[in-house]
C-alpha cells in the first residue's frame, strides 16, 4: 500500500483508476475532447474512454496519452532504485550488479 497525505492507493486497480481520472482531468483542463486527445496520442478513442472510466489500459496507451499531454518525462524516474538506507545495503547492491539472473 502506498500512502501520501492526500491519497491512499491499495493496489494496481486503484492506481489505474487514479491515473485514468488524472488523464481525464488534464484533458478537460486543456479543453480537449476525447477525440482530440486520442488523435494527438495516436490511440483509439474507445480505448481512451475505457482508460478514463475504468483505469484499464495498455502501457503503450498510457505512455502515448502522457506524451500527448506533455507529461511523458514523469515516467523517466519510474521504478528507479531507491536510495540505499545503509552501507550494508549499498554493498549488497554493488555485489548484485554483475548478476544477469535472479536467484529465487
N, C-alpha and C. Protein backbone atom coordinates (compact mmCIF):
# COMPACT_ATOMS: atom_id res chain seq x y z
N UNK A 1 0.84 -1.18 0.00
CA UNK A 1 0.00 0.00 0.00
C UNK A 1 0.89 1.24 0.00
N UNK A 2 0.58 2.18 -0.87
CA UNK A 2 1.32 3.44 -0.96
C UNK A 2 0.47 4.52 -0.30
N UNK A 3 1.10 5.28 0.60
CA UNK A 3 0.36 6.33 1.28
C UNK A 3 0.98 7.68 0.98
N UNK A 4 0.14 8.64 0.76
CA UNK A 4 0.58 10.02 0.66
C UNK A 4 -0.44 10.84 1.44
N UNK A 5 -0.12 12.09 1.75
CA UNK A 5 -1.03 12.88 2.57
C UNK A 5 -2.44 13.01 2.01
N UNK A 6 -2.59 13.02 0.67
CA UNK A 6 -3.90 13.26 0.09
C UNK A 6 -4.53 12.02 -0.56
N UNK A 7 -3.75 10.94 -0.70
CA UNK A 7 -4.23 9.82 -1.48
C UNK A 7 -3.72 8.51 -0.91
N UNK A 8 -4.58 7.52 -0.80
CA UNK A 8 -4.17 6.19 -0.37
C UNK A 8 -4.53 5.23 -1.49
N UNK A 9 -3.51 4.55 -2.02
CA UNK A 9 -3.71 3.60 -3.10
C UNK A 9 -3.47 2.20 -2.56
N UNK A 10 -4.38 1.28 -2.83
CA UNK A 10 -4.28 -0.06 -2.27
C UNK A 10 -3.78 -1.10 -3.24
N UNK A 11 -3.79 -0.82 -4.52
CA UNK A 11 -3.35 -1.83 -5.46
C UNK A 11 -3.37 -1.32 -6.89
N UNK A 12 -3.04 -2.21 -7.83
CA UNK A 12 -2.99 -1.81 -9.24
C UNK A 12 -4.29 -1.22 -9.78
N UNK A 13 -5.41 -1.75 -9.35
CA UNK A 13 -6.70 -1.24 -9.83
C UNK A 13 -6.89 0.21 -9.38
N UNK A 14 -6.57 0.48 -8.13
CA UNK A 14 -6.70 1.85 -7.60
C UNK A 14 -5.77 2.82 -8.32
N UNK A 15 -4.53 2.38 -8.57
CA UNK A 15 -3.57 3.23 -9.26
C UNK A 15 -4.05 3.52 -10.68
N UNK A 16 -4.55 2.47 -11.37
CA UNK A 16 -5.08 2.65 -12.73
C UNK A 16 -6.24 3.61 -12.77
N UNK A 17 -7.17 3.45 -11.84
CA UNK A 17 -8.33 4.34 -11.79
C UNK A 17 -7.89 5.78 -11.54
N UNK A 18 -6.92 5.96 -10.66
CA UNK A 18 -6.42 7.30 -10.36
C UNK A 18 -5.74 7.92 -11.59
N UNK A 19 -4.93 7.14 -12.28
CA UNK A 19 -4.28 7.64 -13.50
C UNK A 19 -5.31 8.00 -14.56
N UNK A 20 -6.30 7.15 -14.75
CA UNK A 20 -7.34 7.44 -15.73
C UNK A 20 -8.07 8.73 -15.41
N UNK A 21 -8.38 8.92 -14.14
CA UNK A 21 -9.07 10.14 -13.72
C UNK A 21 -8.19 11.37 -13.93
N UNK A 22 -6.88 11.23 -13.67
CA UNK A 22 -5.97 12.36 -13.87
C UNK A 22 -5.85 12.73 -15.34
N UNK A 23 -5.79 11.71 -16.21
CA UNK A 23 -5.72 11.98 -17.65
C UNK A 23 -6.98 12.72 -18.09
N UNK A 24 -8.12 12.27 -17.61
CA UNK A 24 -9.38 12.93 -17.97
C UNK A 24 -9.38 14.38 -17.49
N UNK A 25 -8.94 14.60 -16.26
CA UNK A 25 -8.91 15.96 -15.71
C UNK A 25 -7.96 16.85 -16.51
N UNK A 26 -6.81 16.32 -16.89
CA UNK A 26 -5.87 17.12 -17.68
C UNK A 26 -6.44 17.43 -19.06
N UNK A 27 -7.08 16.42 -19.66
CA UNK A 27 -7.69 16.61 -20.98
C UNK A 27 -8.73 17.72 -20.91
N UNK A 28 -9.58 17.65 -19.90
CA UNK A 28 -10.64 18.65 -19.75
C UNK A 28 -10.08 20.04 -19.44
N UNK A 29 -8.99 20.08 -18.66
CA UNK A 29 -8.40 21.39 -18.34
C UNK A 29 -7.82 22.07 -19.58
N UNK A 30 -7.46 21.27 -20.57
CA UNK A 30 -6.96 21.82 -21.84
C UNK A 30 -8.11 22.13 -22.81
N UNK A 31 -9.33 21.74 -22.42
CA UNK A 31 -10.49 21.97 -23.28
C UNK A 31 -10.56 21.00 -24.45
N UNK A 32 -9.90 19.86 -24.31
CA UNK A 32 -9.87 18.85 -25.39
C UNK A 32 -10.99 17.84 -25.22
N UNK A 33 -11.52 17.39 -26.33
CA UNK A 33 -12.45 16.27 -26.33
C UNK A 33 -11.63 14.99 -26.30
N UNK A 34 -12.29 13.87 -26.03
CA UNK A 34 -11.61 12.58 -26.12
C UNK A 34 -11.06 12.37 -27.52
N UNK A 35 -11.85 12.78 -28.49
CA UNK A 35 -11.43 12.61 -29.88
C UNK A 35 -10.11 13.36 -30.14
N UNK A 36 -10.00 14.57 -29.61
CA UNK A 36 -8.79 15.38 -29.78
C UNK A 36 -7.58 14.69 -29.17
N UNK A 37 -7.69 14.25 -27.90
CA UNK A 37 -6.56 13.59 -27.25
C UNK A 37 -6.22 12.29 -27.96
N UNK A 38 -7.23 11.52 -28.31
CA UNK A 38 -6.98 10.25 -28.99
C UNK A 38 -6.21 10.47 -30.29
N UNK A 39 -6.61 11.49 -31.04
CA UNK A 39 -5.94 11.78 -32.31
C UNK A 39 -4.50 12.23 -32.05
N UNK A 40 -4.29 13.12 -31.10
CA UNK A 40 -2.95 13.63 -30.80
C UNK A 40 -2.04 12.52 -30.28
N UNK A 41 -2.62 11.55 -29.57
CA UNK A 41 -1.84 10.46 -28.98
C UNK A 41 -1.69 9.27 -29.93
N UNK A 42 -2.51 9.22 -30.96
CA UNK A 42 -2.46 8.08 -31.87
C UNK A 42 -3.04 6.82 -31.26
N UNK A 43 -4.12 7.00 -30.50
CA UNK A 43 -4.78 5.87 -29.84
C UNK A 43 -6.27 5.88 -30.19
N UNK A 44 -6.92 4.76 -29.98
CA UNK A 44 -8.35 4.66 -30.26
C UNK A 44 -9.15 5.43 -29.21
N UNK A 45 -10.13 6.17 -29.66
CA UNK A 45 -10.99 6.94 -28.75
C UNK A 45 -11.68 6.02 -27.75
N UNK A 46 -12.11 4.85 -28.21
CA UNK A 46 -12.80 3.91 -27.31
C UNK A 46 -11.85 3.40 -26.22
N UNK A 47 -10.59 3.21 -26.56
CA UNK A 47 -9.60 2.77 -25.56
C UNK A 47 -9.34 3.87 -24.54
N UNK A 48 -9.29 5.11 -25.00
CA UNK A 48 -9.12 6.24 -24.10
C UNK A 48 -10.31 6.35 -23.17
N UNK A 49 -11.51 6.19 -23.70
CA UNK A 49 -12.72 6.25 -22.87
C UNK A 49 -12.67 5.17 -21.79
N UNK A 50 -12.28 3.95 -22.16
CA UNK A 50 -12.19 2.86 -21.19
C UNK A 50 -11.17 3.21 -20.11
N UNK A 51 -10.02 3.76 -20.51
CA UNK A 51 -8.99 4.12 -19.54
C UNK A 51 -9.50 5.19 -18.58
N UNK A 52 -10.12 6.22 -19.11
CA UNK A 52 -10.62 7.29 -18.24
C UNK A 52 -11.71 6.79 -17.29
N UNK A 53 -12.52 5.86 -17.74
CA UNK A 53 -13.64 5.39 -16.92
C UNK A 53 -13.29 4.26 -15.96
N UNK A 54 -12.32 3.42 -16.34
CA UNK A 54 -12.04 2.22 -15.53
C UNK A 54 -10.61 2.14 -15.04
N UNK A 55 -9.71 2.90 -15.67
CA UNK A 55 -8.30 2.80 -15.31
C UNK A 55 -7.59 1.66 -16.02
N UNK A 56 -8.29 0.93 -16.86
CA UNK A 56 -7.69 -0.19 -17.59
C UNK A 56 -7.15 0.28 -18.93
N UNK A 57 -5.85 0.00 -19.17
CA UNK A 57 -5.23 0.40 -20.43
C UNK A 57 -3.89 -0.30 -20.57
N UNK A 58 -3.42 -0.39 -21.79
CA UNK A 58 -2.08 -0.93 -22.02
C UNK A 58 -1.06 0.13 -21.62
N UNK A 59 0.14 -0.31 -21.34
CA UNK A 59 1.20 0.64 -21.03
C UNK A 59 1.44 1.56 -22.22
N UNK A 60 1.36 1.03 -23.42
CA UNK A 60 1.54 1.83 -24.63
C UNK A 60 0.54 2.98 -24.67
N UNK A 61 -0.72 2.71 -24.38
CA UNK A 61 -1.74 3.75 -24.38
C UNK A 61 -1.44 4.82 -23.33
N UNK A 62 -1.06 4.39 -22.15
CA UNK A 62 -0.78 5.34 -21.06
C UNK A 62 0.40 6.24 -21.45
N UNK A 63 1.45 5.65 -22.01
CA UNK A 63 2.62 6.44 -22.41
C UNK A 63 2.28 7.40 -23.55
N UNK A 64 1.49 6.96 -24.51
CA UNK A 64 1.11 7.84 -25.62
C UNK A 64 0.23 8.99 -25.13
N UNK A 65 -0.68 8.71 -24.22
CA UNK A 65 -1.53 9.77 -23.67
C UNK A 65 -0.68 10.76 -22.88
N UNK A 66 0.26 10.25 -22.08
CA UNK A 66 1.14 11.13 -21.31
C UNK A 66 1.98 12.00 -22.24
N UNK A 67 2.46 11.43 -23.32
CA UNK A 67 3.25 12.19 -24.30
C UNK A 67 2.41 13.32 -24.91
N UNK A 68 1.20 12.98 -25.32
CA UNK A 68 0.32 13.98 -25.93
C UNK A 68 -0.04 15.10 -24.95
N UNK A 69 -0.07 14.78 -23.67
CA UNK A 69 -0.39 15.76 -22.64
C UNK A 69 0.86 16.49 -22.12
N UNK A 70 2.02 16.15 -22.68
CA UNK A 70 3.26 16.81 -22.27
C UNK A 70 3.79 16.36 -20.92
N UNK A 71 3.47 15.13 -20.53
CA UNK A 71 3.88 14.65 -19.20
C UNK A 71 4.69 13.36 -19.25
N UNK A 72 5.17 12.97 -20.42
CA UNK A 72 5.91 11.72 -20.56
C UNK A 72 7.18 11.70 -19.71
N UNK A 73 7.81 12.84 -19.53
CA UNK A 73 9.05 12.92 -18.76
C UNK A 73 8.90 12.39 -17.33
N UNK A 74 7.69 12.40 -16.79
CA UNK A 74 7.46 11.93 -15.43
C UNK A 74 7.66 10.43 -15.30
N UNK A 75 7.63 9.71 -16.40
CA UNK A 75 7.85 8.26 -16.36
C UNK A 75 9.33 7.91 -16.33
N UNK A 76 10.20 8.90 -16.56
CA UNK A 76 11.63 8.67 -16.62
C UNK A 76 12.24 8.14 -15.33
N UNK A 77 11.66 8.46 -14.20
CA UNK A 77 12.20 8.01 -12.92
C UNK A 77 11.41 6.86 -12.31
N UNK A 78 10.41 6.40 -13.01
CA UNK A 78 9.58 5.30 -12.51
C UNK A 78 10.42 4.03 -12.36
N UNK A 79 10.31 3.39 -11.23
CA UNK A 79 10.98 2.13 -10.91
C UNK A 79 12.50 2.23 -10.81
N UNK A 80 13.03 3.43 -10.65
CA UNK A 80 14.46 3.56 -10.39
C UNK A 80 14.75 3.03 -8.99
N UNK A 81 15.96 2.52 -8.77
CA UNK A 81 16.29 2.03 -7.43
C UNK A 81 16.16 3.14 -6.41
N UNK A 82 15.67 2.78 -5.25
CA UNK A 82 15.56 3.76 -4.16
C UNK A 82 16.94 3.99 -3.55
N UNK A 83 17.09 5.08 -2.88
CA UNK A 83 18.36 5.39 -2.22
C UNK A 83 18.64 4.33 -1.15
N UNK A 84 19.89 3.91 -1.05
CA UNK A 84 20.29 2.92 -0.04
C UNK A 84 20.10 3.52 1.35
N UNK A 85 19.62 2.69 2.27
CA UNK A 85 19.39 3.16 3.63
C UNK A 85 20.56 2.86 4.57
N UNK A 86 21.51 2.07 4.07
CA UNK A 86 22.66 1.74 4.91
C UNK A 86 23.85 1.38 4.02
N UNK A 87 25.01 1.35 4.62
CA UNK A 87 26.23 0.95 3.90
C UNK A 87 26.09 -0.51 3.47
N UNK A 88 25.53 -1.34 4.33
CA UNK A 88 25.36 -2.76 4.01
C UNK A 88 24.48 -2.93 2.77
N UNK A 89 23.41 -2.16 2.68
CA UNK A 89 22.53 -2.24 1.51
C UNK A 89 23.26 -1.77 0.25
N UNK A 90 24.04 -0.74 0.38
CA UNK A 90 24.83 -0.24 -0.75
C UNK A 90 25.84 -1.29 -1.21
N UNK A 91 26.50 -1.95 -0.28
CA UNK A 91 27.45 -3.02 -0.62
C UNK A 91 26.75 -4.20 -1.29
N UNK A 92 25.57 -4.55 -0.79
CA UNK A 92 24.80 -5.65 -1.37
C UNK A 92 24.42 -5.34 -2.81
N UNK A 93 24.01 -4.11 -3.08
CA UNK A 93 23.65 -3.71 -4.44
C UNK A 93 24.86 -3.79 -5.36
N UNK A 94 26.01 -3.40 -4.84
CA UNK A 94 27.23 -3.43 -5.63
C UNK A 94 27.56 -4.86 -6.03
N UNK A 95 27.38 -5.80 -5.12
CA UNK A 95 27.63 -7.22 -5.39
C UNK A 95 26.66 -7.77 -6.42
N UNK A 96 25.42 -7.29 -6.44
CA UNK A 96 24.38 -7.81 -7.33
C UNK A 96 24.46 -7.25 -8.73
N UNK A 97 25.22 -6.21 -8.96
CA UNK A 97 25.25 -5.56 -10.29
C UNK A 97 25.70 -6.50 -11.39
N UNK A 98 26.57 -7.42 -11.11
CA UNK A 98 27.06 -8.33 -12.14
C UNK A 98 26.10 -9.46 -12.48
N UNK A 99 25.07 -9.63 -11.68
CA UNK A 99 24.10 -10.72 -11.92
C UNK A 99 23.27 -10.48 -13.16
N UNK A 100 22.96 -11.56 -13.84
CA UNK A 100 22.09 -11.46 -15.01
C UNK A 100 20.80 -12.24 -14.81
N UNK A 101 20.72 -12.97 -13.71
CA UNK A 101 19.53 -13.75 -13.39
C UNK A 101 19.21 -13.62 -11.93
N UNK A 102 17.94 -13.78 -11.61
CA UNK A 102 17.53 -13.78 -10.20
C UNK A 102 17.92 -15.08 -9.54
N UNK A 103 17.87 -15.11 -8.23
CA UNK A 103 18.26 -16.32 -7.51
C UNK A 103 17.08 -17.04 -6.88
N UNK A 104 15.91 -16.48 -6.96
CA UNK A 104 14.75 -17.15 -6.35
C UNK A 104 13.83 -17.63 -7.44
